[in-house]
Structures are given as structure tokens and as C-alpha cells.
Amino acid sequence: MDARPREPQTKRDSRARSQSPLVVAIDGPSGSGKSSVSRAAARGLNAAYLDTGAMYRALTWWLLERGIDLADADAVAQAAPGCPIRMGMDPLAPTVAVGEVDVGAAIRTERVTSRVSQVAIVPAVRGLMCRWQRELIAEATSRAGAVVAEGRDVTTVVAPDADVRILLTASEDARLARRARQTHGSVDAGAIDATRDLVLERDRVDSTVSEFTSAIDGVTLLDTSHLDFRQSVDAVLAIVENSWGTAGSG
């Protein structure tokens, strides 16, 4: 993997820079808002931003382009280490590339969305991604002093020692509405129905490899069912301030 994180354009204030590097890990089910909220929180903290789910999507896109049978776990595991994923971690303009190809739009298509779980469930892939993601987190904190990493397993496997760990949750109705708006640009009955099977299947597959509905010790649970976007971001920033600020001042 040739991953080259970009340094955020702004720096944290002098109080924050005088403290140790900050790692914020955010997990949650599909449609919980973790990607958009995490990115905005990273901007608020002047931190780098890592979307770990985008890495799985980029790998899925690459495997499909190469004609790899995603139902063949051995073939997927054998090919995966050769995928040249490059992550741009500036929260103002995060990028995802495979080699020199910008795949930011391609990895959000139905073609990839409907297949990514087949790749993510392969144990060898999860181990590989975990190693790559830890390397990116370490490099980002070295460059920028702080990073917000979000995605499945981040709070429990990828960064269990993160300074702040948050599990975002939301009701099924809220998650379906958010995903329908994101995918179809609407929350009418048709859009919700078109989204339901995909979200519930993603939940089913994810539940076989990780726990994402309840917070383990040390992870703060944040239910965003009745929070709008800005309120959700503010709640995350408050958790960071209360957790890391207290630790940093002690």
C-alpha cells in the first residue's frame, strides 16, 4: 500500500500542540452518521481524518476491476496485499486513490456498495487493513498531531488504545432515512424501501465479524437518533474535550 496522508491545512491551538498526540476513534453501524460527523469533528479539531471504510471500498473496486471473484475468499486474500491504496487525510478535502486513479466517486456506486461486505468479511483482509490503518494513524499523528479515524472495528481492534473512543448509534428508522438521503437524495417511501435491504444486510454481515451495537468498557456511546448533524458533531467534540481535555490537563 502506498498511502500518503495529507497534512491538514490548519494546526491545533498551542494548548493542544503542547499535549501528546490525539487519536479519536469512532465506530458505528451503517447510517449512524459516523463518516460525515467524524469528518466535521476532524475539521473542528484541526486533525487528520481517516475513513477506514473507504479503504475496504477501494480494495473492492480494485478487485472488481481485476476480475477477481469476490466469492473466492482465498483469491481475495491473495490479491489484496497488492492493492496500491492512497489516502488523502485532509478533512477539508479527503481523497481516495488506487495507484494514480481517483476512486472517490467510484467506490460509492451501487457496484461497490453491494459487494464490499464480501471483501470485508475475509479474515486475511481485515488483518491486512488493520495493519495499514494503524500505520496511517501513526503517520497522521506524527504529521498533524491528531487524527479522527472512523469505521468498523476502529474502537476495538484498529485503535483500542485511542485517547477517545466513541460508538455512534441511531435507531433503525433514523439510519434508513440517512442512508436513503445519501444514496437516493430522498427520504420518501420508495427511497426508504430501496435502502432497507442493503442496510439490514450490511448489519447482518457486520455482526458476524464485529460488535457494533453496544459500547465496550472505555467506549462512549452516543445515540444520534434525535440529533441533527450539527448537534451530533457538537456532541462528539464535547466528548473529546471532556475525555482528552481532562486527561491532558492531568
Protein backbone atom coordinates (compact mmCIF):
# COMPACT_ATOMS: atom_id res chain seq x y z
CA MET A 1 0.00 0.00 0.00
CA ASP A 2 1.31 3.45 -0.94
CA ALA A 3 -0.70 5.57 1.50
CA ARG A 4 0.29 9.21 1.69
CA PRO A 5 -1.82 11.19 4.17
CA ARG A 6 -2.07 14.90 3.57
CA GLU A 7 -1.41 17.22 6.46
CA PRO A 8 -4.43 19.34 7.44
CA GLN A 9 -4.19 22.96 6.36
CA THR A 10 -4.58 24.28 9.89
CA LYS A 11 -2.97 23.40 13.20
CA ARG A 12 -4.43 22.84 16.62
CA ASP A 13 -4.02 25.63 19.15
CA SER A 14 -0.88 25.95 21.27
CA ARG A 15 -2.55 24.30 24.28
CA ALA A 16 -3.38 21.21 22.23
CA ARG A 17 0.02 21.09 20.50
CA SER A 18 1.75 21.07 23.87
CA GLN A 19 -0.02 17.84 24.74
CA SER A 20 0.59 14.35 23.42
CA PRO A 21 -0.83 13.33 20.00
CA LEU A 22 -4.59 12.84 19.94
CA VAL A 23 -6.29 9.82 18.40
CA VAL A 24 -10.10 9.79 18.25
CA ALA A 25 -11.70 6.51 17.14
CA ILE A 26 -15.35 6.46 16.05
CA ASP A 27 -17.36 3.32 15.22
CA GLY A 28 -21.00 2.70 14.44
CA PRO A 29 -23.41 0.84 12.15
CA SER A 30 -24.24 1.83 8.60
CA GLY A 31 -26.29 5.01 8.51
CA SER A 32 -25.30 6.15 12.00
CA GLY A 33 -23.67 9.24 10.54
CA LYS A 34 -20.14 8.30 11.53
CA SER A 35 -18.46 9.37 8.29
CA SER A 36 -19.93 12.86 7.95
CA VAL A 37 -19.83 13.53 11.69
CA SER A 38 -16.25 12.26 12.02
CA ARG A 39 -15.04 14.39 9.13
CA ALA A 40 -16.65 17.52 10.59
CA ALA A 41 -15.23 16.71 14.02
CA ALA A 42 -11.78 16.36 12.47
CA ARG A 43 -12.14 19.81 10.95
CA GLY A 44 -13.17 21.19 14.32
CA LEU A 45 -10.12 19.63 15.95
CA ASN A 46 -7.77 20.59 13.10
CA ALA A 47 -6.96 16.90 12.89
CA ALA A 48 -6.32 14.48 10.05
CA TYR A 49 -9.28 12.34 9.01
CA LEU A 50 -9.19 8.64 8.14
CA ASP A 51 -12.22 6.91 6.63
CA THR A 52 -11.31 3.25 7.10
CA GLY A 53 -14.45 2.08 5.32
CA ALA A 54 -13.28 3.86 2.18
CA MET A 55 -10.20 1.63 2.23
CA TYR A 56 -12.36 -1.50 2.08
CA ARG A 57 -14.37 0.09 -0.72
CA ALA A 58 -11.21 0.98 -2.64
CA LEU A 59 -9.96 -2.57 -2.33
CA THR A 60 -13.32 -3.90 -3.51
CA TRP A 61 -13.24 -1.60 -6.55
CA TRP A 62 -9.71 -2.74 -7.39
CA LEU A 63 -10.59 -6.42 -7.08
CA LEU A 64 -13.62 -5.97 -9.33
CA GLU A 65 -11.53 -4.12 -11.90
CA ARG A 66 -9.06 -7.01 -11.91
CA GLY A 67 -11.83 -9.57 -12.36
CA ILE A 68 -11.24 -11.28 -9.02
CA ASP A 69 -14.12 -13.50 -7.90
CA LEU A 70 -15.19 -11.90 -4.61
CA ALA A 71 -16.87 -15.14 -3.58
CA ASP A 72 -13.44 -16.79 -3.57
CA ALA A 73 -12.01 -15.76 -0.20
CA ASP A 74 -8.62 -17.29 -0.96
CA ALA A 75 -8.30 -15.35 -4.21
CA VAL A 76 -9.32 -12.13 -2.45
CA ALA A 77 -6.82 -12.72 0.35
CA GLN A 78 -4.02 -13.48 -2.09
CA ALA A 79 -4.65 -10.41 -4.25
CA ALA A 80 -5.38 -7.83 -1.53
CA PRO A 81 -1.78 -7.02 -0.46
CA GLY A 82 -1.04 -5.75 -3.98
CA CYS A 83 -3.71 -3.05 -3.91
CA PRO A 84 -1.98 0.39 -4.02
CA ILE A 85 -4.42 2.37 -1.87
CA ARG A 86 -3.56 6.03 -1.27
CA MET A 87 -5.49 8.01 1.35
CA GLY A 88 -5.59 11.81 1.41
CA MET A 89 -6.42 12.64 5.04
CA ASP A 90 -7.12 16.38 4.89
CA PRO A 91 -10.65 16.69 6.38
CA LEU A 92 -11.32 19.69 4.15
CA ALA A 93 -10.82 17.55 1.05
CA PRO A 94 -10.23 13.87 1.80
CA THR A 95 -9.28 11.72 -1.17
CA VAL A 96 -9.11 8.03 -2.01
CA ALA A 97 -6.96 6.74 -4.85
CA VAL A 98 -5.83 3.38 -6.13
CA GLY A 99 -2.46 3.96 -7.70
CA GLU A 100 -2.93 7.15 -9.70
CA VAL A 101 -6.70 6.68 -10.13
CA ASP A 102 -9.03 8.82 -8.02
CA VAL A 103 -11.77 6.42 -6.95
CA GLY A 104 -13.62 8.74 -4.57
CA ALA A 105 -16.80 8.62 -6.65
CA ALA A 106 -16.46 5.07 -7.98
CA ILE A 107 -16.34 3.49 -4.52
CA ARG A 108 -19.71 5.00 -3.61
CA THR A 109 -21.56 3.40 -6.50
CA GLU A 110 -24.00 0.51 -6.12
CA ARG A 111 -21.49 -1.74 -7.87
CA VAL A 112 -19.07 -1.40 -4.94
CA THR A 113 -21.58 -0.80 -2.14
CA SER A 114 -23.38 -4.07 -2.85
CA ARG A 115 -20.15 -6.10 -2.84
CA VAL A 116 -17.88 -4.56 -0.20
CA SER A 117 -19.17 -6.80 2.59
CA GLN A 118 -17.92 -9.86 0.69
CA VAL A 119 -14.41 -8.44 0.88
CA ALA A 120 -14.60 -7.03 4.40
CA ILE A 121 -15.63 -10.36 5.88
CA VAL A 122 -12.42 -12.12 4.76
CA PRO A 123 -10.22 -12.52 7.88
CA ALA A 124 -6.96 -12.02 5.98
CA VAL A 125 -8.28 -8.77 4.52
CA ARG A 126 -9.33 -7.48 7.93
CA GLY A 127 -5.88 -8.25 9.31
CA LEU A 128 -4.19 -6.51 6.40
CA MET A 129 -6.44 -3.46 6.66
CA CYS A 130 -5.89 -3.26 10.41
CA ARG A 131 -2.13 -3.07 9.86
CA TRP A 132 -2.43 -0.47 7.11
CA GLN A 133 -4.84 1.63 9.17
CA ARG A 134 -2.59 1.58 12.22
CA GLU A 135 0.29 2.75 10.04
CA LEU A 136 -1.81 5.61 8.68
CA ILE A 137 -2.93 6.65 12.16
CA ALA A 138 0.67 6.69 13.40
CA GLU A 139 1.83 8.71 10.40
CA ALA A 140 -1.07 11.15 10.72
CA THR A 141 -0.41 11.85 14.39
CA SER A 142 3.27 12.35 13.61
CA ARG A 143 2.48 14.87 10.87
CA ALA A 144 -0.63 16.62 12.16
CA GLY A 145 -0.62 15.88 15.88
CA ALA A 146 -4.15 14.49 15.81
CA VAL A 147 -6.35 12.17 13.80
CA VAL A 148 -10.00 11.16 13.77
CA ALA A 149 -10.32 7.61 12.47
CA GLU A 150 -13.74 6.17 11.79
CA GLY A 151 -15.13 2.86 10.67
CA ARG A 152 -15.89 -0.68 11.69
CA ASP A 153 -13.63 -2.14 14.42
CA VAL A 154 -11.75 1.12 14.92
CA THR A 155 -12.58 1.42 18.62
CA THR A 156 -11.98 -2.25 19.43
CA VAL A 157 -9.39 -3.68 17.03
CA VAL A 158 -7.64 -0.99 15.00
CA ALA A 159 -7.15 1.61 17.73
CA PRO A 160 -8.18 0.09 21.07
CA ASP A 161 -5.73 2.44 22.83
CA ALA A 162 -7.11 5.61 21.22
CA ASP A 163 -7.34 8.61 23.54
CA VAL A 164 -11.07 8.93 22.84
CA ARG A 165 -13.31 6.13 21.60
CA ILE A 166 -16.92 6.75 20.58
CA LEU A 167 -19.67 4.44 19.34
CA LEU A 168 -22.28 6.32 17.31
CA THR A 169 -25.68 4.68 17.22
CA ALA A 170 -29.11 5.60 15.89
CA SER A 171 -32.49 3.94 15.55
CA GLU A 172 -33.14 1.80 12.51
CA ASP A 173 -35.59 4.38 11.14
CA ALA A 174 -33.05 7.18 11.53
CA ARG A 175 -30.31 5.15 9.89
CA LEU A 176 -32.51 4.17 6.96
CA ALA A 177 -33.54 7.78 6.40
CA ARG A 178 -29.94 9.00 6.44
CA ARG A 179 -28.72 6.31 4.06
CA ALA A 180 -31.68 6.89 1.71
CA ARG A 181 -30.95 10.61 1.62
CA GLN A 182 -27.28 9.93 0.95
CA THR A 183 -27.88 7.30 -1.73
CA HIS A 184 -31.10 8.45 -3.39
CA GLY A 185 -31.36 12.11 -2.38
CA SER A 186 -34.78 11.49 -0.85
CA VAL A 187 -36.45 10.02 2.22
CA ASP A 188 -39.77 9.14 0.61
CA ALA A 189 -41.20 5.64 0.96
CA GLY A 190 -39.64 4.43 -2.28
CA ALA A 191 -36.16 5.57 -1.29
CA ILE A 192 -36.51 4.02 2.16
CA ASP A 193 -37.64 0.70 0.70
CA ALA A 194 -34.77 0.73 -1.80
CA THR A 195 -32.34 1.26 1.05
CA ARG A 196 -33.75 -1.11 3.65
CA ASP A 197 -32.42 -4.42 2.35
CA LEU A 198 -28.93 -3.02 1.79
CA VAL A 199 -28.64 -1.55 5.29
CA LEU A 200 -30.07 -4.59 7.05
CA GLU A 201 -27.86 -6.95 5.05
CA ARG A 202 -24.84 -4.81 5.94
CA ASP A 203 -25.84 -5.08 9.60
CA ARG A 204 -26.16 -8.85 9.29
CA VAL A 205 -22.76 -9.30 7.67
CA ASP A 206 -21.01 -6.87 10.01
CA SER A 207 -22.46 -8.61 13.05
CA THR A 208 -20.61 -11.79 12.08
CA VAL A 209 -17.20 -10.13 12.44
CA SER A 210 -17.63 -7.28 14.93
CA GLU A 211 -19.83 -5.89 17.68
CA PHE A 212 -21.22 -2.51 16.70
CA THR A 213 -24.46 -2.12 18.66
CA SER A 214 -23.14 -1.78 22.21
CA ALA A 215 -20.15 0.00 23.67
CA ILE A 216 -17.46 -1.96 25.50
CA ASP A 217 -15.65 -0.56 28.52
CA GLY A 218 -13.85 2.66 27.70
CA VAL A 219 -16.03 3.46 24.68
CA THR A 220 -18.55 6.30 24.97
CA LEU A 221 -21.98 5.59 23.49
CA LEU A 222 -23.59 8.46 21.57
CA ASP A 223 -27.14 7.97 20.28
CA THR A 224 -27.79 10.42 17.43
CA SER A 225 -31.34 9.29 16.62
CA HIS A 226 -32.82 12.64 17.63
CA LEU A 227 -29.83 14.85 16.89
CA ASP A 228 -29.32 16.78 13.68
CA PHE A 229 -25.94 16.90 12.00
CA ARG A 230 -24.59 19.94 13.84
CA GLN A 231 -25.79 18.64 17.19
CA SER A 232 -24.10 15.30 16.53
CA VAL A 233 -20.79 16.99 15.69
CA ASP A 234 -21.00 19.20 18.77
CA ALA A 235 -21.72 16.16 20.93
CA VAL A 236 -18.62 14.39 19.60
CA LEU A 237 -16.47 17.46 20.19
CA ALA A 238 -17.81 17.73 23.73
CA ILE A 239 -16.90 14.10 24.41
CA VAL A 240 -13.39 14.72 23.09
CA GLU A 241 -12.99 17.83 25.21
CA ASN A 242 -14.30 16.12 28.33
CA SER A 243 -12.22 12.99 27.83
CA TRP A 244 -8.97 14.18 26.32
CA GLY A 245 -9.00 17.66 27.82
CA THR A 246 -9.29 16.23 31.30
CA ALA A 247 -6.60 13.64 30.62
CA GLY A 248 -4.33 16.20 29.03
CA SER A 249 -4.64 18.62 31.93
CA GLY A 250 -3.95 15.88 34.45
